[in-house]
Amino acid sequence: MYTCIPVCLIHPMTEIFNITLLSIQVSAIATSISLFIGLPFGTWLALGSFRGRSFILSIINTGMALPPVVVGLVVAMALWRSGPLGDLKLIYTPAAIVIAQTVIAAPVVTGLTAAALEALDPRLQQQLLGLGASRPQMVWLLWREARLPLLAALMAGFGSVISEVGASMMVGGNIKGQTRVLTTAIVLETSKGDFSTALALSTLLLVLTYLINLALTWIQQRSARRR
């Protein structure tokens, strides 16, 4: 009796810890990949002048509002055994969730990056080039000038994936100990009628999201005070 109490408490806490850790891992990786894709692509769209630019921007803007379940369906079809990427055997793995979340977050980061750089004074580019800066140096200085909205783009990208559930469930399968994240665990507990556990997990998700965005906001405001 006395030894059962710690065991009964340890197992649920260990499971919740693993679920939370996996949620942070997949969302952080997806956001990082999205930043790696969206930052240069958004910069290219903002600074470039070419035919079809408006069309590409309209696609990116549409992608910012893309329903996660649609993303989940497309990624699941691609990763399914009979799909074009079925040989990789990624369906119902954390990697599949990362792929789906990257597809969701990349348009958000790309679109907000392009908007942030387009909001800068267009004469700034010419001034930097006139002062002898190379094009990579010019882009780096523009990123520094727009660092506050770029941090906002990072927060928006992370927020779009840490809280999504449809795509993660469709491509991850909500498998206990493997692909179950906080959002899919909340849906599972709700479907079982265990509203107290679902509410506790929801509170944990909200606190986790708040703390991460608090840290990013602190960095953003600190940068603003240095300007």
C-alpha atoms as a PDB file:
ATOM      1  CA  MET A   1       0.000   0.000   0.000  1.00  0.00           C
ATOM      2  CA  TYR A   2       2.728   2.432   0.963  1.00  0.00           C
ATOM      3  CA  THR A   3       4.867   1.533  -2.058  1.00  0.00           C
ATOM      4  CA  CYS A   4       1.963   1.766  -4.501  1.00  0.00           C
ATOM      5  CA  ILE A   5       1.269   5.436  -3.902  1.00  0.00           C
ATOM      6  CA  PRO A   6       4.592   6.747  -5.290  1.00  0.00           C
ATOM      7  CA  VAL A   7       4.381   4.347  -8.237  1.00  0.00           C
ATOM      8  CA  CYS A   8       0.843   5.462  -9.082  1.00  0.00           C
ATOM      9  CA  LEU A   9       1.999   9.056  -9.024  1.00  0.00           C
ATOM     10  CA  ILE A  10       5.270   8.554 -10.872  1.00  0.00           C
ATOM     11  CA  HIS A  11       3.852   6.834 -13.951  1.00  0.00           C
ATOM     12  CA  PRO A  12       1.297   9.559 -14.889  1.00  0.00           C
ATOM     13  CA  MET A  13       3.842  12.298 -14.228  1.00  0.00           C
ATOM     14  CA  THR A  14       6.442  10.512 -16.355  1.00  0.00           C
ATOM     15  CA  GLU A  15       3.945  10.170 -19.200  1.00  0.00           C
ATOM     16  CA  ILE A  16       2.968  13.838 -18.983  1.00  0.00           C
ATOM     17  CA  PHE A  17       6.643  14.831 -18.936  1.00  0.00           C
ATOM     18  CA  ASN A  18       7.336  12.729 -22.042  1.00  0.00           C
ATOM     19  CA  ILE A  19       4.294  14.160 -23.838  1.00  0.00           C
ATOM     20  CA  THR A  20       5.342  17.716 -22.967  1.00  0.00           C
ATOM     21  CA  LEU A  21       8.937  17.120 -23.996  1.00  0.00           C
ATOM     22  CA  LEU A  22       7.868  15.653 -27.334  1.00  0.00           C
ATOM     23  CA  SER A  23       5.537  18.612 -27.924  1.00  0.00           C
ATOM     24  CA  ILE A  24       8.384  21.058 -27.356  1.00  0.00           C
ATOM     25  CA  GLN A  25      10.811  19.052 -29.469  1.00  0.00           C
ATOM     26  CA  VAL A  26       8.656  18.639 -32.571  1.00  0.00           C
ATOM     27  CA  SER A  27       7.364  22.221 -32.476  1.00  0.00           C
ATOM     28  CA  ALA A  28      10.838  23.669 -31.907  1.00  0.00           C
ATOM     29  CA  ILE A  29      12.311  21.638 -34.760  1.00  0.00           C
ATOM     30  CA  ALA A  30       9.428  22.524 -37.090  1.00  0.00           C
ATOM     31  CA  THR A  31       9.717  26.222 -36.204  1.00  0.00           C
ATOM     32  CA  SER A  32      13.493  26.166 -36.741  1.00  0.00           C
ATOM     33  CA  ILE A  33      13.116  24.540 -40.156  1.00  0.00           C
ATOM     34  CA  SER A  34      10.371  27.022 -41.019  1.00  0.00           C
ATOM     35  CA  LEU A  35      12.678  29.889 -40.043  1.00  0.00           C
ATOM     36  CA  PHE A  36      15.476  28.392 -42.143  1.00  0.00           C
ATOM     37  CA  ILE A  37      13.099  28.255 -45.127  1.00  0.00           C
ATOM     38  CA  GLY A  38      10.942  31.307 -44.519  1.00  0.00           C
ATOM     39  CA  LEU A  39      13.597  33.881 -43.667  1.00  0.00           C
ATOM     40  CA  PRO A  40      15.554  33.699 -46.954  1.00  0.00           C
ATOM     41  CA  PHE A  41      12.459  33.018 -49.054  1.00  0.00           C
ATOM     42  CA  GLY A  42      10.563  35.924 -47.495  1.00  0.00           C
ATOM     43  CA  THR A  43      13.602  38.143 -47.994  1.00  0.00           C
ATOM     44  CA  TRP A  44      13.804  37.150 -51.648  1.00  0.00           C
ATOM     45  CA  LEU A  45      10.139  37.997 -52.129  1.00  0.00           C
ATOM     46  CA  ALA A  46      10.452  41.324 -50.306  1.00  0.00           C
ATOM     47  CA  LEU A  47      13.573  42.551 -52.079  1.00  0.00           C
ATOM     48  CA  GLY A  48      13.086  40.968 -55.470  1.00  0.00           C
ATOM     49  CA  SER A  49      11.358  42.433 -58.472  1.00  0.00           C
ATOM     50  CA  PHE A  50      10.345  39.774 -60.950  1.00  0.00           C
ATOM     51  CA  ARG A  51       7.392  38.541 -62.924  1.00  0.00           C
ATOM     52  CA  GLY A  52       4.962  36.467 -60.900  1.00  0.00           C
ATOM     53  CA  ARG A  53       6.019  37.941 -57.550  1.00  0.00           C
ATOM     54  CA  SER A  54       2.480  39.013 -56.654  1.00  0.00           C
ATOM     55  CA  PHE A  55       1.177  35.564 -57.527  1.00  0.00           C
ATOM     56  CA  ILE A  56       3.724  33.870 -55.248  1.00  0.00           C
ATOM     57  CA  LEU A  57       2.918  36.303 -52.441  1.00  0.00           C
ATOM     58  CA  SER A  58      -0.781  35.531 -52.810  1.00  0.00           C
ATOM     59  CA  ILE A  59      -0.019  31.803 -52.475  1.00  0.00           C
ATOM     60  CA  ILE A  60       2.085  32.462 -49.369  1.00  0.00           C
ATOM     61  CA  ASN A  61      -0.669  34.597 -47.856  1.00  0.00           C
ATOM     62  CA  THR A  62      -3.191  31.856 -48.578  1.00  0.00           C
ATOM     63  CA  GLY A  63      -0.841  29.333 -46.967  1.00  0.00           C
ATOM     64  CA  MET A  64      -0.826  31.409 -43.787  1.00  0.00           C
ATOM     65  CA  ALA A  65      -4.494  30.480 -43.325  1.00  0.00           C
ATOM     66  CA  LEU A  66      -4.164  26.893 -44.534  1.00  0.00           C
ATOM     67  CA  PRO A  67      -6.334  24.538 -42.420  1.00  0.00           C
ATOM     68  CA  PRO A  68      -4.113  22.098 -40.469  1.00  0.00           C
ATOM     69  CA  VAL A  69      -6.389  19.155 -41.332  1.00  0.00           C
ATOM     70  CA  VAL A  70      -5.764  19.805 -45.030  1.00  0.00           C
ATOM     71  CA  VAL A  71      -2.032  19.818 -44.393  1.00  0.00           C
ATOM     72  CA  GLY A  72      -2.385  16.613 -42.397  1.00  0.00           C
ATOM     73  CA  LEU A  73      -4.311  14.948 -45.215  1.00  0.00           C
ATOM     74  CA  VAL A  74      -1.752  15.904 -47.879  1.00  0.00           C
ATOM     75  CA  VAL A  75       1.248  14.909 -45.769  1.00  0.00           C
ATOM     76  CA  ALA A  76      -0.419  11.643 -44.722  1.00  0.00           C
ATOM     77  CA  MET A  77      -1.139  10.758 -48.358  1.00  0.00           C
ATOM     78  CA  ALA A  78       2.475  11.517 -49.272  1.00  0.00           C
ATOM     79  CA  LEU A  79       3.911   9.451 -46.402  1.00  0.00           C
ATOM     80  CA  TRP A  80       1.447   6.572 -46.612  1.00  0.00           C
ATOM     81  CA  ARG A  81       2.838   3.203 -47.687  1.00  0.00           C
ATOM     82  CA  SER A  82       1.393   3.596 -51.184  1.00  0.00           C
ATOM     83  CA  GLY A  83       2.352   7.298 -51.359  1.00  0.00           C
ATOM     84  CA  PRO A  84       5.350   8.812 -53.130  1.00  0.00           C
ATOM     85  CA  LEU A  85       7.337   8.962 -49.866  1.00  0.00           C
ATOM     86  CA  GLY A  86       6.025   5.719 -48.409  1.00  0.00           C
ATOM     87  CA  ASP A  87       9.410   3.980 -48.651  1.00  0.00           C
ATOM     88  CA  LEU A  88      10.761   6.365 -46.003  1.00  0.00           C
ATOM     89  CA  LYS A  89       8.361   4.785 -43.459  1.00  0.00           C
ATOM     90  CA  LEU A  90       7.773   8.093 -41.677  1.00  0.00           C
ATOM     91  CA  ILE A  91       4.027   7.852 -41.204  1.00  0.00           C
ATOM     92  CA  TYR A  92       3.019   7.741 -37.514  1.00  0.00           C
ATOM     93  CA  THR A  93       6.411   8.962 -36.342  1.00  0.00           C
ATOM     94  CA  PRO A  94       7.539  12.243 -34.726  1.00  0.00           C
ATOM     95  CA  ALA A  95       9.276  13.079 -38.017  1.00  0.00           C
ATOM     96  CA  ALA A  96       5.903  13.051 -39.776  1.00  0.00           C
ATOM     97  CA  ILE A  97       4.555  15.542 -37.234  1.00  0.00           C
ATOM     98  CA  VAL A  98       7.597  17.767 -37.811  1.00  0.00           C
ATOM     99  CA  ILE A  99       6.975  17.690 -41.571  1.00  0.00           C
ATOM    100  CA  ALA A 100       3.302  18.595 -41.178  1.00  0.00           C
ATOM    101  CA  GLN A 101       4.029  21.372 -38.700  1.00  0.00           C
ATOM    102  CA  THR A 102       6.766  22.759 -40.951  1.00  0.00           C
ATOM    103  CA  VAL A 103       4.284  22.978 -43.817  1.00  0.00           C
ATOM    104  CA  ILE A 104       1.947  24.895 -41.498  1.00  0.00           C
ATOM    105  CA  ALA A 105       4.540  27.294 -40.056  1.00  0.00           C
ATOM    106  CA  ALA A 106       6.678  27.991 -43.146  1.00  0.00           C
ATOM    107  CA  PRO A 107       4.094  30.193 -44.941  1.00  0.00           C
ATOM    108  CA  VAL A 108       3.530  32.147 -41.698  1.00  0.00           C
ATOM    109  CA  VAL A 109       7.230  32.888 -41.262  1.00  0.00           C
ATOM    110  CA  THR A 110       7.701  33.604 -44.976  1.00  0.00           C
ATOM    111  CA  GLY A 111       4.739  35.964 -45.237  1.00  0.00           C
ATOM    112  CA  LEU A 112       5.554  37.917 -42.089  1.00  0.00           C
ATOM    113  CA  THR A 113       9.227  38.156 -43.069  1.00  0.00           C
ATOM    114  CA  ALA A 114       8.296  39.594 -46.456  1.00  0.00           C
ATOM    115  CA  ALA A 115       5.878  42.051 -44.825  1.00  0.00           C
ATOM    116  CA  ALA A 116       8.483  43.135 -42.260  1.00  0.00           C
ATOM    117  CA  LEU A 117      11.133  43.872 -44.875  1.00  0.00           C
ATOM    118  CA  GLU A 118       8.692  45.561 -47.232  1.00  0.00           C
ATOM    119  CA  ALA A 119       7.766  47.939 -44.392  1.00  0.00           C
ATOM    120  CA  LEU A 120      11.333  49.278 -44.262  1.00  0.00           C
ATOM    121  CA  ASP A 121      12.261  52.458 -46.112  1.00  0.00           C
ATOM    122  CA  PRO A 122      13.079  51.314 -49.677  1.00  0.00           C
ATOM    123  CA  ARG A 123      15.888  53.881 -49.827  1.00  0.00           C
ATOM    124  CA  LEU A 124      17.732  52.012 -47.092  1.00  0.00           C
ATOM    125  CA  GLN A 125      18.809  49.299 -49.527  1.00  0.00           C
ATOM    126  CA  GLN A 126      20.358  51.817 -51.890  1.00  0.00           C
ATOM    127  CA  GLN A 127      22.062  53.653 -49.036  1.00  0.00           C
ATOM    128  CA  LEU A 128      23.659  50.464 -47.755  1.00  0.00           C
ATOM    129  CA  LEU A 129      24.822  49.445 -51.220  1.00  0.00           C
ATOM    130  CA  GLY A 130      26.071  52.974 -51.832  1.00  0.00           C
ATOM    131  CA  LEU A 131      28.174  52.777 -48.664  1.00  0.00           C
ATOM    132  CA  GLY A 132      29.949  49.733 -50.048  1.00  0.00           C
ATOM    133  CA  ALA A 133      27.994  46.906 -48.438  1.00  0.00           C
ATOM    134  CA  SER A 134      27.812  43.670 -50.385  1.00  0.00           C
ATOM    135  CA  ARG A 135      24.398  42.163 -51.018  1.00  0.00           C
ATOM    136  CA  PRO A 136      24.744  39.581 -48.194  1.00  0.00           C
ATOM    137  CA  GLN A 137      25.854  42.372 -45.849  1.00  0.00           C
ATOM    138  CA  MET A 138      22.921  44.489 -46.970  1.00  0.00           C
ATOM    139  CA  VAL A 139      20.484  41.657 -46.278  1.00  0.00           C
ATOM    140  CA  TRP A 140      22.005  41.067 -42.833  1.00  0.00           C
ATOM    141  CA  LEU A 141      21.675  44.754 -41.945  1.00  0.00           C
ATOM    142  CA  LEU A 142      18.074  44.767 -43.139  1.00  0.00           C
ATOM    143  CA  TRP A 143      17.367  41.751 -40.935  1.00  0.00           C
ATOM    144  CA  ARG A 144      18.860  43.606 -37.981  1.00  0.00           C
ATOM    145  CA  GLU A 145      16.769  46.672 -38.754  1.00  0.00           C
ATOM    146  CA  ALA A 146      13.602  44.552 -38.927  1.00  0.00           C
ATOM    147  CA  ARG A 147      14.527  42.242 -36.052  1.00  0.00           C
ATOM    148  CA  LEU A 148      11.482  43.153 -33.942  1.00  0.00           C
ATOM    149  CA  PRO A 149       8.853  42.118 -36.526  1.00  0.00           C
ATOM    150  CA  LEU A 150      11.041  39.143 -37.452  1.00  0.00           C
ATOM    151  CA  LEU A 151      10.882  37.970 -33.846  1.00  0.00           C
ATOM    152  CA  ALA A 152       7.126  38.418 -34.063  1.00  0.00           C
ATOM    153  CA  ALA A 153       7.181  36.169 -37.142  1.00  0.00           C
ATOM    154  CA  LEU A 154       9.088  33.557 -35.122  1.00  0.00           C
ATOM    155  CA  MET A 155       6.514  33.722 -32.316  1.00  0.00           C
ATOM    156  CA  ALA A 156       3.648  33.454 -34.794  1.00  0.00           C
ATOM    157  CA  GLY A 157       5.247  30.448 -36.453  1.00  0.00           C
ATOM    158  CA  PHE A 158       5.778  28.675 -33.150  1.00  0.00           C
ATOM    159  CA  GLY A 159       2.273  29.526 -31.973  1.00  0.00           C
ATOM    160  CA  SER A 160       0.750  28.084 -35.139  1.00  0.00           C
ATOM    161  CA  VAL A 161       2.297  24.641 -34.544  1.00  0.00           C
ATOM    162  CA  ILE A 162       2.430  24.177 -30.762  1.00  0.00           C
ATOM    163  CA  SER A 163      -1.351  24.562 -30.598  1.00  0.00           C
ATOM    164  CA  GLU A 164      -2.419  22.641 -33.705  1.00  0.00           C
ATOM    165  CA  VAL A 165      -4.003  19.220 -33.385  1.00  0.00           C
ATOM    166  CA  GLY A 166      -5.517  18.066 -36.686  1.00  0.00           C
ATOM    167  CA  ALA A 167      -2.341  17.517 -38.685  1.00  0.00           C
ATOM    168  CA  SER A 168      -0.444  16.009 -35.742  1.00  0.00           C
ATOM    169  CA  MET A 169      -3.168  13.445 -35.132  1.00  0.00           C
ATOM    170  CA  MET A 170      -3.536  12.534 -38.802  1.00  0.00           C
ATOM    171  CA  VAL A 171       0.160  11.945 -39.509  1.00  0.00           C
ATOM    172  CA  GLY A 172       1.268  10.940 -36.002  1.00  0.00           C
ATOM    173  CA  GLY A 173      -1.591   8.698 -34.965  1.00  0.00           C
ATOM    174  CA  ASN A 174      -1.522   9.820 -31.311  1.00  0.00           C
ATOM    175  CA  ILE A 175       0.450   6.723 -30.284  1.00  0.00           C
ATOM    176  CA  LYS A 176       1.198   6.525 -26.567  1.00  0.00           C
ATOM    177  CA  GLY A 177       4.892   6.900 -25.814  1.00  0.00           C
ATOM    178  CA  GLN A 178       5.753   7.639 -29.461  1.00  0.00           C
ATOM    179  CA  THR A 179       3.746  10.386 -31.152  1.00  0.00           C
ATOM    180  CA  ARG A 180       1.345  11.646 -28.480  1.00  0.00           C
ATOM    181  CA  VAL A 181       1.728  15.393 -27.928  1.00  0.00           C
ATOM    182  CA  LEU A 182      -0.177  17.739 -25.640  1.00  0.00           C
ATOM    183  CA  THR A 183      -2.874  18.728 -28.138  1.00  0.00           C
ATOM    184  CA  THR A 184      -3.644  15.159 -29.226  1.00  0.00           C
ATOM    185  CA  ALA A 185      -3.600  14.013 -25.593  1.00  0.00           C
ATOM    186  CA  ILE A 186      -6.193  16.697 -24.783  1.00  0.00           C
ATOM    187  CA  VAL A 187      -8.443  15.447 -27.578  1.00  0.00           C
ATOM    188  CA  LEU A 188      -8.046  11.853 -26.367  1.00  0.00           C
ATOM    189  CA  GLU A 189      -8.914  12.642 -22.752  1.00  0.00           C
ATOM    190  CA  THR A 190     -11.896  14.724 -23.862  1.00  0.00           C
ATOM    191  CA  SER A 191     -13.207  11.863 -26.016  1.00  0.00           C
ATOM    192  CA  LYS A 192     -12.899   9.566 -22.972  1.00  0.00           C
ATOM    193  CA  GLY A 193     -14.908  12.008 -20.871  1.00  0.00           C
ATOM    194  CA  ASP A 194     -11.970  12.695 -18.555  1.00  0.00           C
ATOM    195  CA  PHE A 195     -12.446  16.455 -18.551  1.00  0.00           C
ATOM    196  CA  SER A 196     -10.319  17.065 -15.446  1.00  0.00           C
ATOM    197  CA  THR A 197      -7.236  15.550 -17.111  1.00  0.00           C
ATOM    198  CA  ALA A 198      -8.021  17.334 -20.369  1.00  0.00           C
ATOM    199  CA  LEU A 199      -8.325  20.627 -18.502  1.00  0.00           C
ATOM    200  CA  ALA A 200      -5.044  20.004 -16.665  1.00  0.00           C
ATOM    201  CA  LEU A 201      -3.250  19.273 -19.946  1.00  0.00           C
ATOM    202  CA  SER A 202      -4.827  22.351 -21.529  1.00  0.00           C
ATOM    203  CA  THR A 203      -3.574  24.484 -18.650  1.00  0.00           C
ATOM    204  CA  LEU A 204      -0.100  22.981 -19.038  1.00  0.00           C
ATOM    205  CA  LEU A 205      -0.155  23.772 -22.758  1.00  0.00           C
ATOM    206  CA  LEU A 206      -1.228  27.359 -22.126  1.00  0.00           C
ATOM    207  CA  VAL A 207       1.452  27.869 -19.461  1.00  0.00           C
ATOM    208  CA  LEU A 208       4.114  26.329 -21.690  1.00  0.00           C
ATOM    209  CA  THR A 209       3.140  28.501 -24.650  1.00  0.00           C
ATOM    210  CA  TYR A 210       3.035  31.582 -22.449  1.00  0.00           C
ATOM    211  CA  LEU A 211       6.497  30.970 -20.983  1.00  0.00           C
ATOM    212  CA  ILE A 212       8.090  30.449 -24.384  1.00  0.00           C
ATOM    213  CA  ASN A 213       6.429  33.528 -25.841  1.00  0.00           C
ATOM    214  CA  LEU A 214       7.330  35.477 -22.692  1.00  0.00           C
ATOM    215  CA  ALA A 215      10.982  34.661 -23.285  1.00  0.00           C
ATOM    216  CA  LEU A 216      10.763  35.694 -26.944  1.00  0.00           C
ATOM    217  CA  THR A 217       8.879  38.870 -26.020  1.00  0.00           C
ATOM    218  CA  TRP A 218      11.559  39.722 -23.454  1.00  0.00           C
ATOM    219  CA  ILE A 219      14.209  39.361 -26.160  1.00  0.00           C
ATOM    220  CA  GLN A 220      12.100  41.481 -28.509  1.00  0.00           C
ATOM    221  CA  GLN A 221      11.571  44.272 -25.984  1.00  0.00           C
ATOM    222  CA  ARG A 222      15.205  44.217 -24.948  1.00  0.00           C
ATOM    223  CA  SER A 223      16.177  44.714 -28.581  1.00  0.00           C
ATOM    224  CA  ALA A 224      13.668  47.563 -28.852  1.00  0.00           C
ATOM    225  CA  ARG A 225      15.224  49.362 -25.878  1.00  0.00           C
ATOM    226  CA  ARG A 226      18.670  49.121 -27.454  1.00  0.00           C
ATOM    227  CA  ARG A 227      17.554  50.878 -30.652  1.00  0.00           C
END
